[in-house]
C-alpha atoms as a PDB file:
ATOM      1  CA  UNK A   1       2.624 -13.163 -14.482  1.00  0.00           C
ATOM      2  CA  UNK A   2       6.101 -12.684 -15.875  1.00  0.00           C
ATOM      3  CA  UNK A   3       8.945 -13.485 -13.481  1.00  0.00           C
ATOM      4  CA  UNK A   4      12.345 -11.970 -14.066  1.00  0.00           C
ATOM      5  CA  UNK A   5      14.226 -13.665 -11.252  1.00  0.00           C
ATOM      6  CA  UNK A   6      13.753 -15.961  -8.314  1.00  0.00           C
ATOM      7  CA  UNK A   7      12.416 -19.429  -7.644  1.00  0.00           C
ATOM      8  CA  UNK A   8       8.753 -20.467  -7.565  1.00  0.00           C
ATOM      9  CA  UNK A   9       7.007 -21.185  -4.296  1.00  0.00           C
ATOM     10  CA  UNK A  10       3.292 -21.999  -3.882  1.00  0.00           C
ATOM     11  CA  UNK A  11       2.873 -21.255  -7.592  1.00  0.00           C
ATOM     12  CA  UNK A  12       4.293 -17.733  -7.303  1.00  0.00           C
ATOM     13  CA  UNK A  13       7.787 -16.641  -8.302  1.00  0.00           C
ATOM     14  CA  UNK A  14       9.627 -14.417  -5.879  1.00  0.00           C
ATOM     15  CA  UNK A  15      11.430 -11.402  -7.272  1.00  0.00           C
ATOM     16  CA  UNK A  16      10.314  -9.015  -9.986  1.00  0.00           C
ATOM     17  CA  UNK A  17       6.894  -9.607 -11.556  1.00  0.00           C
ATOM     18  CA  UNK A  18       4.951  -7.900 -14.334  1.00  0.00           C
ATOM     19  CA  UNK A  19       1.243  -7.610 -14.972  1.00  0.00           C
ATOM     20  CA  UNK A  20      -0.721  -5.894 -17.724  1.00  0.00           C
ATOM     21  CA  UNK A  21      -1.947  -2.337 -17.232  1.00  0.00           C
ATOM     22  CA  UNK A  22      -5.484  -3.398 -18.069  1.00  0.00           C
ATOM     23  CA  UNK A  23      -6.894   0.101 -18.506  1.00  0.00           C
ATOM     24  CA  UNK A  24      -4.586   0.847 -21.450  1.00  0.00           C
ATOM     25  CA  UNK A  25      -4.771  -0.348 -25.045  1.00  0.00           C
ATOM     26  CA  UNK A  26      -1.004  -0.275 -25.526  1.00  0.00           C
ATOM     27  CA  UNK A  27      -0.191  -3.660 -24.000  1.00  0.00           C
ATOM     28  CA  UNK A  28       2.179  -2.080 -21.488  1.00  0.00           C
ATOM     29  CA  UNK A  29       3.023  -3.730 -18.186  1.00  0.00           C
ATOM     30  CA  UNK A  30       3.330  -2.628 -14.579  1.00  0.00           C
ATOM     31  CA  UNK A  31       6.318  -3.935 -12.631  1.00  0.00           C
ATOM     32  CA  UNK A  32       6.489  -5.018  -9.006  1.00  0.00           C
ATOM     33  CA  UNK A  33       8.839  -6.592  -6.474  1.00  0.00           C
ATOM     34  CA  UNK A  34       7.637  -9.518  -4.369  1.00  0.00           C
ATOM     35  CA  UNK A  35       9.441 -10.431  -1.166  1.00  0.00           C
ATOM     36  CA  UNK A  36       8.910 -12.432   1.998  1.00  0.00           C
ATOM     37  CA  UNK A  37       6.896 -15.255   0.447  1.00  0.00           C
ATOM     38  CA  UNK A  38       8.163 -17.611   3.151  1.00  0.00           C
ATOM     39  CA  UNK A  39       6.275 -15.477   5.664  1.00  0.00           C
ATOM     40  CA  UNK A  40       2.688 -16.426   6.470  1.00  0.00           C
ATOM     41  CA  UNK A  41       1.219 -13.402   8.210  1.00  0.00           C
ATOM     42  CA  UNK A  42      -0.393 -11.807   5.149  1.00  0.00           C
ATOM     43  CA  UNK A  43       0.530  -9.784   2.075  1.00  0.00           C
ATOM     44  CA  UNK A  44       1.053  -6.006   2.142  1.00  0.00           C
ATOM     45  CA  UNK A  45       0.763  -4.199  -1.203  1.00  0.00           C
ATOM     46  CA  UNK A  46       2.516  -0.835  -1.333  1.00  0.00           C
ATOM     47  CA  UNK A  47       0.679   1.978  -3.119  1.00  0.00           C
ATOM     48  CA  UNK A  48       3.082   4.724  -4.157  1.00  0.00           C
ATOM     49  CA  UNK A  49       2.160   8.271  -5.021  1.00  0.00           C
ATOM     50  CA  UNK A  50       3.439  11.758  -5.790  1.00  0.00           C
ATOM     51  CA  UNK A  51       5.897  10.693  -8.470  1.00  0.00           C
ATOM     52  CA  UNK A  52       7.344   7.797  -6.501  1.00  0.00           C
ATOM     53  CA  UNK A  53       7.806   4.182  -7.594  1.00  0.00           C
ATOM     54  CA  UNK A  54       8.656   0.768  -6.244  1.00  0.00           C
ATOM     55  CA  UNK A  55      12.234   2.056  -5.884  1.00  0.00           C
ATOM     56  CA  UNK A  56      11.221   4.548  -3.171  1.00  0.00           C
ATOM     57  CA  UNK A  57      13.918   4.157  -0.479  1.00  0.00           C
ATOM     58  CA  UNK A  58      11.460   4.974   2.291  1.00  0.00           C
ATOM     59  CA  UNK A  59       8.860   2.443   1.195  1.00  0.00           C
ATOM     60  CA  UNK A  60      11.533  -0.176   0.565  1.00  0.00           C
ATOM     61  CA  UNK A  61      12.842   0.369   4.093  1.00  0.00           C
ATOM     62  CA  UNK A  62       9.344  -0.102   5.524  1.00  0.00           C
ATOM     63  CA  UNK A  63       8.793  -3.183   3.344  1.00  0.00           C
ATOM     64  CA  UNK A  64      12.042  -4.742   4.593  1.00  0.00           C
ATOM     65  CA  UNK A  65      10.925  -4.141   8.156  1.00  0.00           C
ATOM     66  CA  UNK A  66       7.561  -5.775   7.451  1.00  0.00           C
ATOM     67  CA  UNK A  67       9.355  -8.754   5.876  1.00  0.00           C
ATOM     68  CA  UNK A  68      11.383  -9.163   9.065  1.00  0.00           C
ATOM     69  CA  UNK A  69       8.142  -8.915  11.050  1.00  0.00           C
ATOM     70  CA  UNK A  70       6.649 -11.852   9.156  1.00  0.00           C
ATOM     71  CA  UNK A  71       4.777 -10.367   6.185  1.00  0.00           C
ATOM     72  CA  UNK A  72       5.072 -10.819   2.438  1.00  0.00           C
ATOM     73  CA  UNK A  73       5.237  -7.559   0.497  1.00  0.00           C
ATOM     74  CA  UNK A  74       4.543  -6.413  -3.046  1.00  0.00           C
ATOM     75  CA  UNK A  75       5.891  -3.045  -4.151  1.00  0.00           C
ATOM     76  CA  UNK A  76       4.202  -2.090  -7.438  1.00  0.00           C
ATOM     77  CA  UNK A  77       4.789   0.632  -9.973  1.00  0.00           C
ATOM     78  CA  UNK A  78       1.371   2.109 -10.732  1.00  0.00           C
ATOM     79  CA  UNK A  79       2.559   3.943 -13.852  1.00  0.00           C
ATOM     80  CA  UNK A  80       3.934   2.341 -17.000  1.00  0.00           C
ATOM     81  CA  UNK A  81       7.470   3.369 -18.017  1.00  0.00           C
ATOM     82  CA  UNK A  82       6.108   5.792 -20.622  1.00  0.00           C
ATOM     83  CA  UNK A  83       3.689   7.305 -18.119  1.00  0.00           C
ATOM     84  CA  UNK A  84       6.427   7.680 -15.530  1.00  0.00           C
ATOM     85  CA  UNK A  85       8.612   9.535 -18.023  1.00  0.00           C
ATOM     86  CA  UNK A  86       5.717  11.841 -18.910  1.00  0.00           C
ATOM     87  CA  UNK A  87       4.881  12.421 -15.257  1.00  0.00           C
ATOM     88  CA  UNK A  88       8.454  13.442 -14.470  1.00  0.00           C
ATOM     89  CA  UNK A  89       7.967  16.303 -16.935  1.00  0.00           C
ATOM     90  CA  UNK A  90       4.412  17.331 -16.106  1.00  0.00           C
ATOM     91  CA  UNK A  91       3.647  16.022 -12.584  1.00  0.00           C
ATOM     92  CA  UNK A  92       0.098  15.414 -13.799  1.00  0.00           C
ATOM     93  CA  UNK A  93      -0.448  11.683 -13.340  1.00  0.00           C
ATOM     94  CA  UNK A  94       0.724  11.582  -9.737  1.00  0.00           C
ATOM     95  CA  UNK A  95      -2.426  13.517  -8.832  1.00  0.00           C
ATOM     96  CA  UNK A  96      -4.746  11.436 -11.033  1.00  0.00           C
ATOM     97  CA  UNK A  97      -6.269   9.599  -8.080  1.00  0.00           C
ATOM     98  CA  UNK A  98      -8.846   7.791 -10.202  1.00  0.00           C
ATOM     99  CA  UNK A  99      -6.115   6.370 -12.442  1.00  0.00           C
ATOM    100  CA  UNK A 100      -4.038   5.286  -9.447  1.00  0.00           C
ATOM    101  CA  UNK A 101      -7.105   3.709  -7.822  1.00  0.00           C
ATOM    102  CA  UNK A 102      -7.922   1.749 -10.970  1.00  0.00           C
ATOM    103  CA  UNK A 103      -4.341   0.507 -11.148  1.00  0.00           C
ATOM    104  CA  UNK A 104      -4.489  -0.658  -7.519  1.00  0.00           C
ATOM    105  CA  UNK A 105      -7.716  -2.508  -8.309  1.00  0.00           C
ATOM    106  CA  UNK A 106      -5.903  -4.245 -11.148  1.00  0.00           C
ATOM    107  CA  UNK A 107      -3.169  -5.321  -8.745  1.00  0.00           C
ATOM    108  CA  UNK A 108      -5.745  -6.655  -6.264  1.00  0.00           C
ATOM    109  CA  UNK A 109      -7.489  -8.605  -9.021  1.00  0.00           C
ATOM    110  CA  UNK A 110      -4.136  -9.993 -10.163  1.00  0.00           C
ATOM    111  CA  UNK A 111      -3.301 -11.106  -6.624  1.00  0.00           C
ATOM    112  CA  UNK A 112      -6.715 -12.787  -6.363  1.00  0.00           C
ATOM    113  CA  UNK A 113      -5.902 -14.940  -9.412  1.00  0.00           C
ATOM    114  CA  UNK A 114      -2.672 -16.459  -8.056  1.00  0.00           C
ATOM    115  CA  UNK A 115      -2.373 -19.413  -5.677  1.00  0.00           C
ATOM    116  CA  UNK A 116       0.107 -18.607  -2.962  1.00  0.00           C
ATOM    117  CA  UNK A 117      -1.079 -14.995  -2.888  1.00  0.00           C
ATOM    118  CA  UNK A 118      -4.863 -15.097  -3.024  1.00  0.00           C
ATOM    119  CA  UNK A 119      -5.113 -17.150   0.188  1.00  0.00           C
ATOM    120  CA  UNK A 120      -3.355 -14.465   2.217  1.00  0.00           C
ATOM    121  CA  UNK A 121      -5.056 -11.697   4.108  1.00  0.00           C
ATOM    122  CA  UNK A 122      -4.320  -8.481   2.305  1.00  0.00           C
ATOM    123  CA  UNK A 123      -3.188  -5.082   3.558  1.00  0.00           C
ATOM    124  CA  UNK A 124      -2.493  -1.860   1.661  1.00  0.00           C
ATOM    125  CA  UNK A 125       0.275   0.576   2.591  1.00  0.00           C
ATOM    126  CA  UNK A 126      -0.281   3.935   0.905  1.00  0.00           C
ATOM    127  CA  UNK A 127       2.141   6.865   0.864  1.00  0.00           C
ATOM    128  CA  UNK A 128       1.306  10.455  -0.082  1.00  0.00           C
ATOM    129  CA  UNK A 129      -1.353  10.473  -2.836  1.00  0.00           C
ATOM    130  CA  UNK A 130      -1.101   6.674  -2.869  1.00  0.00           C
ATOM    131  CA  UNK A 131      -3.014   6.674   0.416  1.00  0.00           C
ATOM    132  CA  UNK A 132      -6.045   8.096  -1.406  1.00  0.00           C
ATOM    133  CA  UNK A 133      -5.798   5.356  -4.028  1.00  0.00           C
ATOM    134  CA  UNK A 134      -5.421   2.692  -1.326  1.00  0.00           C
ATOM    135  CA  UNK A 135      -8.585   3.815   0.446  1.00  0.00           C
ATOM    136  CA  UNK A 136     -10.484   4.000  -2.839  1.00  0.00           C
ATOM    137  CA  UNK A 137      -9.430   0.457  -3.735  1.00  0.00           C
ATOM    138  CA  UNK A 138     -10.452  -0.794  -0.289  1.00  0.00           C
ATOM    139  CA  UNK A 139     -13.893   0.774  -0.777  1.00  0.00           C
ATOM    140  CA  UNK A 140     -14.344  -0.798  -4.214  1.00  0.00           C
ATOM    141  CA  UNK A 141     -13.182  -4.295  -3.223  1.00  0.00           C
ATOM    142  CA  UNK A 142     -15.173  -4.853  -0.043  1.00  0.00           C
ATOM    143  CA  UNK A 143     -14.061  -7.955   1.796  1.00  0.00           C
ATOM    144  CA  UNK A 144     -10.797  -8.232  -0.140  1.00  0.00           C
ATOM    145  CA  UNK A 145      -8.693  -5.729   1.840  1.00  0.00           C
ATOM    146  CA  UNK A 146      -8.336  -6.375   5.569  1.00  0.00           C
ATOM    147  CA  UNK A 147      -6.405  -3.258   6.655  1.00  0.00           C
ATOM    148  CA  UNK A 148      -4.934  -0.003   5.326  1.00  0.00           C
ATOM    149  CA  UNK A 149      -1.949   1.984   6.582  1.00  0.00           C
ATOM    150  CA  UNK A 150      -1.155   5.476   5.305  1.00  0.00           C
ATOM    151  CA  UNK A 151       2.274   7.123   5.660  1.00  0.00           C
ATOM    152  CA  UNK A 152       2.233  10.899   5.347  1.00  0.00           C
ATOM    153  CA  UNK A 153      -0.800  10.353   3.155  1.00  0.00           C
ATOM    154  CA  UNK A 154      -3.422  12.517   1.535  1.00  0.00           C
ATOM    155  CA  UNK A 155      -6.561  10.470   2.199  1.00  0.00           C
ATOM    156  CA  UNK A 156      -8.551  13.665   1.725  1.00  0.00           C
ATOM    157  CA  UNK A 157      -7.900  13.340  -2.032  1.00  0.00           C
ATOM    158  CA  UNK A 158      -9.664   9.965  -2.306  1.00  0.00           C
ATOM    159  CA  UNK A 159     -12.314   9.853  -5.003  1.00  0.00           C
ATOM    160  CA  UNK A 160     -14.518   7.720  -2.749  1.00  0.00           C
ATOM    161  CA  UNK A 161     -15.924   9.300   0.411  1.00  0.00           C
ATOM    162  CA  UNK A 162     -14.351   8.380   3.782  1.00  0.00           C
ATOM    163  CA  UNK A 163     -17.808   7.361   5.030  1.00  0.00           C
ATOM    164  CA  UNK A 164     -17.596   4.364   2.678  1.00  0.00           C
ATOM    165  CA  UNK A 165     -14.371   2.996   4.188  1.00  0.00           C
ATOM    166  CA  UNK A 166     -15.125  -0.258   6.001  1.00  0.00           C
ATOM    167  CA  UNK A 167     -11.581  -1.492   6.675  1.00  0.00           C
ATOM    168  CA  UNK A 168      -9.415  -0.684   9.729  1.00  0.00           C
ATOM    169  CA  UNK A 169      -7.267   2.303   8.799  1.00  0.00           C
ATOM    170  CA  UNK A 170      -4.088   3.623  10.427  1.00  0.00           C
ATOM    171  CA  UNK A 171      -3.017   7.141   9.423  1.00  0.00           C
ATOM    172  CA  UNK A 172       0.654   7.713  10.305  1.00  0.00           C
ATOM    173  CA  UNK A 173       1.702  11.372  10.174  1.00  0.00           C
ATOM    174  CA  UNK A 174       4.704  13.348  11.334  1.00  0.00           C
ATOM    175  CA  UNK A 175       3.798  15.467  14.357  1.00  0.00           C
ATOM    176  CA  UNK A 176       5.498  18.460  12.722  1.00  0.00           C
ATOM    177  CA  UNK A 177       3.718  17.936   9.392  1.00  0.00           C
ATOM    178  CA  UNK A 178       0.914  20.145  10.658  1.00  0.00           C
ATOM    179  CA  UNK A 179      -1.119  20.716   7.483  1.00  0.00           C
ATOM    180  CA  UNK A 180      -1.169  17.031   6.525  1.00  0.00           C
ATOM    181  CA  UNK A 181      -1.842  16.085  10.155  1.00  0.00           C
ATOM    182  CA  UNK A 182      -4.926  18.298  10.204  1.00  0.00           C
ATOM    183  CA  UNK A 183      -6.174  16.821   6.920  1.00  0.00           C
ATOM    184  CA  UNK A 184      -5.718  13.283   8.266  1.00  0.00           C
ATOM    185  CA  UNK A 185      -7.546  14.080  11.481  1.00  0.00           C
ATOM    186  CA  UNK A 186     -10.496  15.406   9.493  1.00  0.00           C
ATOM    187  CA  UNK A 187     -10.673  12.265   7.379  1.00  0.00           C
ATOM    188  CA  UNK A 188     -10.312   9.986  10.403  1.00  0.00           C
ATOM    189  CA  UNK A 189     -13.349  11.617  11.951  1.00  0.00           C
ATOM    190  CA  UNK A 190     -15.429  10.513   8.973  1.00  0.00           C
ATOM    191  CA  UNK A 191     -14.244   6.882   8.690  1.00  0.00           C
ATOM    192  CA  UNK A 192     -16.759   4.531  10.361  1.00  0.00           C
ATOM    193  CA  UNK A 193     -14.319   1.608  10.593  1.00  0.00           C
ATOM    194  CA  UNK A 194     -11.692   1.240  13.315  1.00  0.00           C
ATOM    195  CA  UNK A 195      -9.107   3.926  12.731  1.00  0.00           C
ATOM    196  CA  UNK A 196      -6.301   5.826  14.412  1.00  0.00           C
ATOM    197  CA  UNK A 197      -4.148   8.854  13.642  1.00  0.00           C
ATOM    198  CA  UNK A 198      -0.651   7.903  14.811  1.00  0.00           C
ATOM    199  CA  UNK A 199       1.698  10.864  15.242  1.00  0.00           C
ATOM    200  CA  UNK A 200       5.450  10.327  14.995  1.00  0.00           C
ATOM    201  CA  UNK A 201       7.025  12.812  17.468  1.00  0.00           C
ATOM    202  CA  UNK A 202       9.383  15.337  15.887  1.00  0.00           C
ATOM    203  CA  UNK A 203       8.850  14.000  12.360  1.00  0.00           C
ATOM    204  CA  UNK A 204       8.134  16.085   9.258  1.00  0.00           C
ATOM    205  CA  UNK A 205       6.440  15.003   6.036  1.00  0.00           C
ATOM    206  CA  UNK A 206       9.159  12.698   4.673  1.00  0.00           C
ATOM    207  CA  UNK A 207      10.113  11.155   8.040  1.00  0.00           C
ATOM    208  CA  UNK A 208      13.753  11.965   7.416  1.00  0.00           C
ATOM    209  CA  UNK A 209      14.514  12.533  11.093  1.00  0.00           C
ATOM    210  CA  UNK A 210      16.616   9.939  12.891  1.00  0.00           C
ATOM    211  CA  UNK A 211      14.506   6.959  13.917  1.00  0.00           C
ATOM    212  CA  UNK A 212      11.277   8.344  12.418  1.00  0.00           C
ATOM    213  CA  UNK A 213      10.942   5.768   9.652  1.00  0.00           C
ATOM    214  CA  UNK A 214      11.643   2.958  12.086  1.00  0.00           C
ATOM    215  CA  UNK A 215       8.709   4.211  14.170  1.00  0.00           C
ATOM    216  CA  UNK A 216       6.518   4.191  11.051  1.00  0.00           C
ATOM    217  CA  UNK A 217       7.532   0.582  10.394  1.00  0.00           C
ATOM    218  CA  UNK A 218       6.762  -0.503  13.940  1.00  0.00           C
ATOM    219  CA  UNK A 219       3.357   1.173  13.904  1.00  0.00           C
ATOM    220  CA  UNK A 220       2.474  -0.348  10.524  1.00  0.00           C
ATOM    221  CA  UNK A 221       3.705  -3.776  11.614  1.00  0.00           C
ATOM    222  CA  UNK A 222       1.593  -3.705  14.761  1.00  0.00           C
ATOM    223  CA  UNK A 223      -1.514  -2.629  12.819  1.00  0.00           C
ATOM    224  CA  UNK A 224      -1.081  -5.317  10.180  1.00  0.00           C
ATOM    225  CA  UNK A 225      -0.233  -7.951  12.798  1.00  0.00           C
ATOM    226  CA  UNK A 226      -3.552  -7.244  14.493  1.00  0.00           C
ATOM    227  CA  UNK A 227      -5.719  -7.233  11.372  1.00  0.00           C
ATOM    228  CA  UNK A 228      -3.936  -9.609   8.991  1.00  0.00           C
ATOM    229  CA  UNK A 229      -3.013 -12.412  11.375  1.00  0.00           C
ATOM    230  CA  UNK A 230      -4.805 -15.659  10.690  1.00  0.00           C
ATOM    231  CA  UNK A 231      -7.248 -16.566  13.457  1.00  0.00           C
ATOM    232  CA  UNK A 232      -5.920 -19.131  15.892  1.00  0.00           C
ATOM    233  CA  UNK A 233      -7.902 -22.343  15.952  1.00  0.00           C
ATOM    234  CA  UNK A 234      -9.317 -23.206  19.365  1.00  0.00           C
ATOM    235  CA  UNK A 235     -10.172 -26.657  20.576  1.00  0.00           C
ATOM    236  CA  UNK A 236     -13.660 -27.376  21.802  1.00  0.00           C
END
C-alpha cells in the first residue's frame, strides 16, 4: 500500500492509498480514499460505475454520512488513469462488468491482506453499473462480503446470476426511475438471500431531488448497521 497523506492507525494509513491493478501488465495503480478508521462498525467499499470515480459527489456524500454513522469507508477508482481517459472518449469500459468485477475482487483481496482492515466486516456500496460488479464480487468471494447496497444500480447487468447471491442485498431506487425500478424488482425476485427494494419517494435516477440522497444514506446506514455490526457478547 502506498499512502499519500495521513497518519497510520492499526497498521493502515488513513487518506489516499494506491494498490496495483493486478490484471494489467503495465504496473499501473488504482487509487482510493480511506476514511473513518476510528469507527468500528465495519468497512464499506464503494464500487463506482458508468464513468464515475472516487470523486463522485453523490458517493462521497453517502460515504460521509456512513462515516458519521460509525463506519469506515473506502472509495476506490476501478480504472487506471489511462483507462479513465480512454473511457471518457469511448464510454466502453464503464460497461465492462467483468473488468469492474475483477477490479473489485482485487480490492477485496488487498483489504484482506491488511491488519486494521481485514478484521472488519465488509460491505459493498455499488452505484449504477458498479452495483453489478459489487454483486459479482460478493458471489465470487463467499464469506468475505457481509452485505451489499445498490444505489440506482443495474444489478441486471451482473455477469454472475442473481440466484448465486448469498449476501443480504438492499436495492435503493428512485420511485420515479421507473425503468431501473422494474429491473431491480426483477433481480430482487431471483436473489435467495435477504433482500429489499427500497424506493425513495419522488426521486429520479440521480437522486438530485431535495433530501433524496439523505434518504439513500439513511437506508444504507440502517442496512449496514444490521449486517455489519459485530455480535454483542452475552454472559452465560
